Amino acid sequence: MSSVLELVQKGLNSSSLVVVSDYDKGLVTAASATLLESLAYERRLRILADLKPRNATYWHHLDLITPNLVEARSLHALVCPGDSENLSEPGLAINLSQALGCDVVLKLAGRGMLVASRSGYRVANFPAHCKSPQNVTGAGDTVLSTLAAAMANGATVEEATYLANVAASLAVSREATCTVSSDELISQLGLASPA
């Protein structure tokens, strides 16, 4: 564990932000979360996370989370009093955003995504682009990595979510688990490739 944290600490010196994907395999602990938040704070780096609800209490200074609907309801039960089952999806995302003090990109599977901004009660909805998904494995990773790449390059959370939604639609439209290249994303958006 200490060698992993040493590598992370070294890598942060040349990073624009921090991305945490918690697979609940023991790497994300209360101690590692506290250390990572401290290191990110020292360097003024934002933290984007796809976290497991049961590990959410380890974190105190996240900038963005990307739960799916099931994770969001579980997380809501941990951090917000009241019934999350009867809450609308925008209401759920807003409550989480306010309780955790971070932006929430709520993944709605084949229906797309919505964003609740921590800066107010603003919600943006992004319908899915893929009408017949073939393989959803890795879609969450595609969302988080696209959000990170876009935000590291100056995109707002809404702009980054739009791109992540398009990238995820491309990823799930294939039979096998895959990555989505920047050229594919540019082509899908109908933009000219940078020279």
C-alpha atoms as a PDB file:
ATOM      1  CA  MET A   1       0.000   0.000   0.000  1.00  0.00           C
ATOM      2  CA  SER A   2       2.768   2.464   0.874  1.00  0.00           C
ATOM      3  CA  SER A   3       4.485   1.933  -2.497  1.00  0.00           C
ATOM      4  CA  VAL A   4       1.212   2.730  -4.293  1.00  0.00           C
ATOM      5  CA  LEU A   5       0.766   5.907  -2.245  1.00  0.00           C
ATOM      6  CA  GLU A   6       4.376   6.902  -2.970  1.00  0.00           C
ATOM      7  CA  LEU A   7       3.701   6.533  -6.705  1.00  0.00           C
ATOM      8  CA  VAL A   8       0.522   8.582  -6.364  1.00  0.00           C
ATOM      9  CA  GLN A   9       2.346  11.296  -4.430  1.00  0.00           C
ATOM     10  CA  LYS A  10       5.052  11.451  -7.103  1.00  0.00           C
ATOM     11  CA  GLY A  11       2.482  11.599  -9.894  1.00  0.00           C
ATOM     12  CA  LEU A  12       0.549  14.439  -8.299  1.00  0.00           C
ATOM     13  CA  ASN A  13       3.448  16.803  -8.897  1.00  0.00           C
ATOM     14  CA  SER A  14       2.656  16.812 -12.617  1.00  0.00           C
ATOM     15  CA  SER A  15      -1.128  16.424 -12.431  1.00  0.00           C
ATOM     16  CA  SER A  16      -4.025  18.748 -13.200  1.00  0.00           C
ATOM     17  CA  LEU A  17      -6.509  16.877 -11.024  1.00  0.00           C
ATOM     18  CA  VAL A  18      -6.988  13.620  -9.114  1.00  0.00           C
ATOM     19  CA  VAL A  19      -9.190  10.752 -10.320  1.00  0.00           C
ATOM     20  CA  VAL A  20     -10.303   8.039  -7.893  1.00  0.00           C
ATOM     21  CA  SER A  21     -12.056   4.904  -9.087  1.00  0.00           C
ATOM     22  CA  ASP A  22     -12.950   2.837  -6.024  1.00  0.00           C
ATOM     23  CA  TYR A  23     -13.379  -0.832  -6.899  1.00  0.00           C
ATOM     24  CA  ASP A  24     -13.707  -1.703  -3.188  1.00  0.00           C
ATOM     25  CA  LYS A  25     -10.584  -3.897  -3.234  1.00  0.00           C
ATOM     26  CA  GLY A  26      -8.983  -2.342  -0.152  1.00  0.00           C
ATOM     27  CA  LEU A  27      -6.864   0.403  -1.702  1.00  0.00           C
ATOM     28  CA  VAL A  28      -9.291   3.165  -0.735  1.00  0.00           C
ATOM     29  CA  THR A  29      -9.288   3.366   3.055  1.00  0.00           C
ATOM     30  CA  ALA A  30      -9.976   6.176   5.506  1.00  0.00           C
ATOM     31  CA  ALA A  31      -6.213   6.745   5.806  1.00  0.00           C
ATOM     32  CA  SER A  32      -5.501   6.721   2.055  1.00  0.00           C
ATOM     33  CA  ALA A  33      -8.463   9.031   1.372  1.00  0.00           C
ATOM     34  CA  THR A  34      -7.304  11.494   4.038  1.00  0.00           C
ATOM     35  CA  LEU A  35      -3.754  11.455   2.669  1.00  0.00           C
ATOM     36  CA  LEU A  36      -4.912  11.896  -0.926  1.00  0.00           C
ATOM     37  CA  GLU A  37      -7.200  14.789   0.014  1.00  0.00           C
ATOM     38  CA  SER A  38      -4.362  16.447   1.907  1.00  0.00           C
ATOM     39  CA  LEU A  39      -1.946  16.051  -1.008  1.00  0.00           C
ATOM     40  CA  ALA A  40      -4.542  17.333  -3.472  1.00  0.00           C
ATOM     41  CA  TYR A  41      -5.322  20.319  -1.240  1.00  0.00           C
ATOM     42  CA  GLU A  42      -1.629  21.249  -0.964  1.00  0.00           C
ATOM     43  CA  ARG A  43      -1.403  21.266  -4.770  1.00  0.00           C
ATOM     44  CA  ARG A  44      -4.845  22.851  -5.316  1.00  0.00           C
ATOM     45  CA  LEU A  45      -6.017  19.839  -7.319  1.00  0.00           C
ATOM     46  CA  ARG A  46      -9.664  18.869  -7.752  1.00  0.00           C
ATOM     47  CA  ILE A  47     -10.705  15.300  -6.904  1.00  0.00           C
ATOM     48  CA  LEU A  48     -13.148  13.430  -9.160  1.00  0.00           C
ATOM     49  CA  ALA A  49     -14.364  10.090  -7.822  1.00  0.00           C
ATOM     50  CA  ASP A  50     -16.393   7.058  -8.705  1.00  0.00           C
ATOM     51  CA  LEU A  51     -16.715   5.783  -5.166  1.00  0.00           C
ATOM     52  CA  LYS A  52     -18.401   2.929  -3.408  1.00  0.00           C
ATOM     53  CA  PRO A  53     -21.166   4.266  -1.154  1.00  0.00           C
ATOM     54  CA  ARG A  54     -19.906   2.345   1.873  1.00  0.00           C
ATOM     55  CA  ASN A  55     -16.529   4.121   1.540  1.00  0.00           C
ATOM     56  CA  ALA A  56     -18.038   7.581   1.051  1.00  0.00           C
ATOM     57  CA  THR A  57     -17.517   8.588   4.666  1.00  0.00           C
ATOM     58  CA  TYR A  58     -13.742   8.407   4.096  1.00  0.00           C
ATOM     59  CA  TRP A  59     -13.960  11.512   1.899  1.00  0.00           C
ATOM     60  CA  HIS A  60     -14.516  15.117   2.985  1.00  0.00           C
ATOM     61  CA  HIS A  61     -13.303  17.265   0.071  1.00  0.00           C
ATOM     62  CA  LEU A  62     -14.443  15.768  -3.222  1.00  0.00           C
ATOM     63  CA  ASP A  63     -15.176  18.020  -6.191  1.00  0.00           C
ATOM     64  CA  LEU A  64     -17.252  15.595  -8.264  1.00  0.00           C
ATOM     65  CA  ILE A  65     -18.743  12.123  -7.889  1.00  0.00           C
ATOM     66  CA  THR A  66     -20.238   9.829 -10.546  1.00  0.00           C
ATOM     67  CA  PRO A  67     -22.699   7.386  -8.940  1.00  0.00           C
ATOM     68  CA  ASN A  68     -25.172   5.303 -10.865  1.00  0.00           C
ATOM     69  CA  LEU A  69     -28.765   5.382  -9.620  1.00  0.00           C
ATOM     70  CA  VAL A  70     -28.402   2.403  -7.245  1.00  0.00           C
ATOM     71  CA  GLU A  71     -25.186   3.843  -5.776  1.00  0.00           C
ATOM     72  CA  ALA A  72     -26.786   7.280  -5.464  1.00  0.00           C
ATOM     73  CA  ARG A  73     -29.721   5.889  -3.483  1.00  0.00           C
ATOM     74  CA  SER A  74     -27.353   3.953  -1.178  1.00  0.00           C
ATOM     75  CA  LEU A  75     -25.161   7.006  -0.733  1.00  0.00           C
ATOM     76  CA  HIS A  76     -28.196   9.183  -0.043  1.00  0.00           C
ATOM     77  CA  ALA A  77     -29.297   6.802   2.722  1.00  0.00           C
ATOM     78  CA  LEU A  78     -25.865   7.246   4.352  1.00  0.00           C
ATOM     79  CA  VAL A  79     -25.489  11.026   4.125  1.00  0.00           C
ATOM     80  CA  CYS A  80     -29.014  12.454   3.938  1.00  0.00           C
ATOM     81  CA  PRO A  81     -31.842  11.755   6.356  1.00  0.00           C
ATOM     82  CA  GLY A  82     -35.140  10.727   4.833  1.00  0.00           C
ATOM     83  CA  ASP A  83     -36.532   8.518   2.128  1.00  0.00           C
ATOM     84  CA  SER A  84     -34.430   8.349  -1.024  1.00  0.00           C
ATOM     85  CA  GLU A  85     -36.627   5.787  -2.806  1.00  0.00           C
ATOM     86  CA  ASN A  86     -39.401   8.303  -3.487  1.00  0.00           C
ATOM     87  CA  LEU A  87     -37.105  11.159  -4.471  1.00  0.00           C
ATOM     88  CA  SER A  88     -36.953  12.192  -8.115  1.00  0.00           C
ATOM     89  CA  GLU A  89     -33.602  11.652  -9.798  1.00  0.00           C
ATOM     90  CA  PRO A  90     -32.882  15.407  -9.944  1.00  0.00           C
ATOM     91  CA  GLY A  91     -33.900  15.710  -6.278  1.00  0.00           C
ATOM     92  CA  LEU A  92     -31.609  12.837  -5.362  1.00  0.00           C
ATOM     93  CA  ALA A  93     -28.661  14.400  -7.200  1.00  0.00           C
ATOM     94  CA  ILE A  94     -29.322  17.842  -5.690  1.00  0.00           C
ATOM     95  CA  ASN A  95     -29.541  16.421  -2.161  1.00  0.00           C
ATOM     96  CA  LEU A  96     -26.263  14.547  -2.625  1.00  0.00           C
ATOM     97  CA  SER A  97     -24.578  17.599  -4.104  1.00  0.00           C
ATOM     98  CA  GLN A  98     -25.642  19.781  -1.184  1.00  0.00           C
ATOM     99  CA  ALA A  99     -24.838  17.176   1.494  1.00  0.00           C
ATOM    100  CA  LEU A 100     -21.401  16.343   0.079  1.00  0.00           C
ATOM    101  CA  GLY A 101     -20.513  19.811  -1.221  1.00  0.00           C
ATOM    102  CA  CYS A 102     -19.556  18.531  -4.660  1.00  0.00           C
ATOM    103  CA  ASP A 103     -20.908  18.264  -8.188  1.00  0.00           C
ATOM    104  CA  VAL A 104     -22.835  15.057  -8.886  1.00  0.00           C
ATOM    105  CA  VAL A 105     -22.927  13.402 -12.302  1.00  0.00           C
ATOM    106  CA  LEU A 106     -25.718  10.853 -11.908  1.00  0.00           C
ATOM    107  CA  LYS A 107     -25.430   7.994 -14.422  1.00  0.00           C
ATOM    108  CA  LEU A 108     -28.867   6.812 -15.556  1.00  0.00           C
ATOM    109  CA  ALA A 109     -27.783   3.862 -17.730  1.00  0.00           C
ATOM    110  CA  GLY A 110     -29.619   3.874 -21.069  1.00  0.00           C
ATOM    111  CA  ARG A 111     -31.335   7.159 -20.227  1.00  0.00           C
ATOM    112  CA  GLY A 112     -28.145   9.223 -20.070  1.00  0.00           C
ATOM    113  CA  MET A 113     -26.873  11.386 -17.221  1.00  0.00           C
ATOM    114  CA  LEU A 114     -27.762  14.412 -15.207  1.00  0.00           C
ATOM    115  CA  VAL A 115     -25.600  16.911 -13.357  1.00  0.00           C
ATOM    116  CA  ALA A 116     -26.398  18.604 -10.070  1.00  0.00           C
ATOM    117  CA  SER A 117     -24.062  21.495  -9.473  1.00  0.00           C
ATOM    118  CA  ARG A 118     -22.738  22.265  -6.012  1.00  0.00           C
ATOM    119  CA  SER A 119     -22.922  25.965  -6.828  1.00  0.00           C
ATOM    120  CA  GLY A 120     -26.710  25.952  -6.582  1.00  0.00           C
ATOM    121  CA  TYR A 121     -29.830  23.997  -7.316  1.00  0.00           C
ATOM    122  CA  ARG A 122     -29.023  23.761 -11.016  1.00  0.00           C
ATOM    123  CA  VAL A 123     -29.599  20.472 -12.818  1.00  0.00           C
ATOM    124  CA  ALA A 124     -28.634  19.691 -16.411  1.00  0.00           C
ATOM    125  CA  ASN A 125     -29.937  16.599 -18.207  1.00  0.00           C
ATOM    126  CA  PHE A 126     -28.033  14.731 -20.936  1.00  0.00           C
ATOM    127  CA  PRO A 127     -30.080  12.055 -22.766  1.00  0.00           C
ATOM    128  CA  ALA A 128     -28.246   8.925 -23.941  1.00  0.00           C
ATOM    129  CA  HIS A 129     -27.040   8.818 -27.537  1.00  0.00           C
ATOM    130  CA  CYS A 130     -26.907   5.023 -27.877  1.00  0.00           C
ATOM    131  CA  LYS A 131     -30.287   3.408 -28.443  1.00  0.00           C
ATOM    132  CA  SER A 132     -29.145  -0.244 -28.433  1.00  0.00           C
ATOM    133  CA  PRO A 133     -26.220  -0.841 -26.078  1.00  0.00           C
ATOM    134  CA  GLN A 134     -24.190  -3.996 -26.760  1.00  0.00           C
ATOM    135  CA  ASN A 135     -21.875  -4.122 -23.719  1.00  0.00           C
ATOM    136  CA  VAL A 136     -21.980  -1.737 -20.770  1.00  0.00           C
ATOM    137  CA  THR A 137     -18.798  -3.058 -19.140  1.00  0.00           C
ATOM    138  CA  GLY A 138     -16.447  -0.156 -18.540  1.00  0.00           C
ATOM    139  CA  ALA A 139     -18.990   2.562 -19.295  1.00  0.00           C
ATOM    140  CA  GLY A 140     -18.495   4.113 -15.849  1.00  0.00           C
ATOM    141  CA  ASP A 141     -14.739   4.199 -16.373  1.00  0.00           C
ATOM    142  CA  THR A 142     -15.276   5.865 -19.750  1.00  0.00           C
ATOM    143  CA  VAL A 143     -17.477   8.483 -18.084  1.00  0.00           C
ATOM    144  CA  LEU A 144     -14.971   9.250 -15.323  1.00  0.00           C
ATOM    145  CA  SER A 145     -11.934   9.366 -17.606  1.00  0.00           C
ATOM    146  CA  THR A 146     -13.680  11.605 -20.142  1.00  0.00           C
ATOM    147  CA  LEU A 147     -14.896  13.943 -17.394  1.00  0.00           C
ATOM    148  CA  ALA A 148     -11.339  14.130 -16.059  1.00  0.00           C
ATOM    149  CA  ALA A 149      -9.729  14.779 -19.440  1.00  0.00           C
ATOM    150  CA  ALA A 150     -12.258  17.467 -20.317  1.00  0.00           C
ATOM    151  CA  MET A 151     -12.142  19.204 -16.937  1.00  0.00           C
ATOM    152  CA  ALA A 152      -8.333  19.084 -16.839  1.00  0.00           C
ATOM    153  CA  ASN A 153      -8.461  21.011 -20.110  1.00  0.00           C
ATOM    154  CA  GLY A 154     -10.817  23.700 -18.825  1.00  0.00           C
ATOM    155  CA  ALA A 155     -14.292  22.328 -19.541  1.00  0.00           C
ATOM    156  CA  THR A 156     -17.125  23.103 -17.146  1.00  0.00           C
ATOM    157  CA  VAL A 157     -18.775  20.136 -15.455  1.00  0.00           C
ATOM    158  CA  GLU A 158     -21.723  20.448 -17.862  1.00  0.00           C
ATOM    159  CA  GLU A 159     -19.459  20.540 -20.939  1.00  0.00           C
ATOM    160  CA  ALA A 160     -17.436  17.614 -19.600  1.00  0.00           C
ATOM    161  CA  THR A 161     -20.606  15.616 -18.895  1.00  0.00           C
ATOM    162  CA  TYR A 162     -21.854  16.194 -22.430  1.00  0.00           C
ATOM    163  CA  LEU A 163     -18.565  14.778 -23.769  1.00  0.00           C
ATOM    164  CA  ALA A 164     -18.601  11.897 -21.265  1.00  0.00           C
ATOM    165  CA  ASN A 165     -22.144  11.015 -22.302  1.00  0.00           C
ATOM    166  CA  VAL A 166     -21.141  10.866 -25.975  1.00  0.00           C
ATOM    167  CA  ALA A 167     -18.012   8.829 -25.138  1.00  0.00           C
ATOM    168  CA  ALA A 168     -20.012   6.360 -23.022  1.00  0.00           C
ATOM    169  CA  SER A 169     -22.550   5.993 -25.832  1.00  0.00           C
ATOM    170  CA  LEU A 170     -19.715   5.090 -28.203  1.00  0.00           C
ATOM    171  CA  ALA A 171     -18.225   2.609 -25.723  1.00  0.00           C
ATOM    172  CA  VAL A 172     -21.461   0.719 -25.024  1.00  0.00           C
ATOM    173  CA  SER A 173     -22.385   0.501 -28.710  1.00  0.00           C
ATOM    174  CA  ARG A 174     -19.655  -2.116 -29.271  1.00  0.00           C
ATOM    175  CA  GLU A 175     -19.795  -5.811 -28.465  1.00  0.00           C
ATOM    176  CA  ALA A 176     -16.482  -5.924 -26.596  1.00  0.00           C
ATOM    177  CA  THR A 177     -15.138  -3.744 -23.822  1.00  0.00           C
ATOM    178  CA  CYS A 178     -13.177  -0.946 -25.446  1.00  0.00           C
ATOM    179  CA  THR A 179     -11.649   2.466 -25.095  1.00  0.00           C
ATOM    180  CA  VAL A 180     -12.862   5.522 -26.968  1.00  0.00           C
ATOM    181  CA  SER A 181     -10.176   7.578 -28.681  1.00  0.00           C
ATOM    182  CA  SER A 182     -10.201  11.342 -28.907  1.00  0.00           C
ATOM    183  CA  ASP A 183     -10.425  11.015 -32.707  1.00  0.00           C
ATOM    184  CA  GLU A 184     -13.595   8.899 -32.384  1.00  0.00           C
ATOM    185  CA  LEU A 185     -15.106  11.433 -30.000  1.00  0.00           C
ATOM    186  CA  ILE A 186     -14.217  14.315 -32.315  1.00  0.00           C
ATOM    187  CA  SER A 187     -15.730  12.455 -35.281  1.00  0.00           C
ATOM    188  CA  GLN A 188     -18.921  11.625 -33.345  1.00  0.00           C
ATOM    189  CA  LEU A 189     -19.279  15.280 -32.392  1.00  0.00           C
ATOM    190  CA  GLY A 190     -18.901  16.267 -36.042  1.00  0.00           C
ATOM    191  CA  LEU A 191     -15.834  18.381 -35.361  1.00  0.00           C
ATOM    192  CA  ALA A 192     -12.717  18.733 -37.445  1.00  0.00           C
ATOM    193  CA  SER A 193      -9.696  16.903 -36.072  1.00  0.00           C
ATOM    194  CA  PRO A 194      -6.998  19.247 -34.727  1.00  0.00           C
ATOM    195  CA  ALA A 195      -4.115  19.670 -37.158  1.00  0.00           C
END
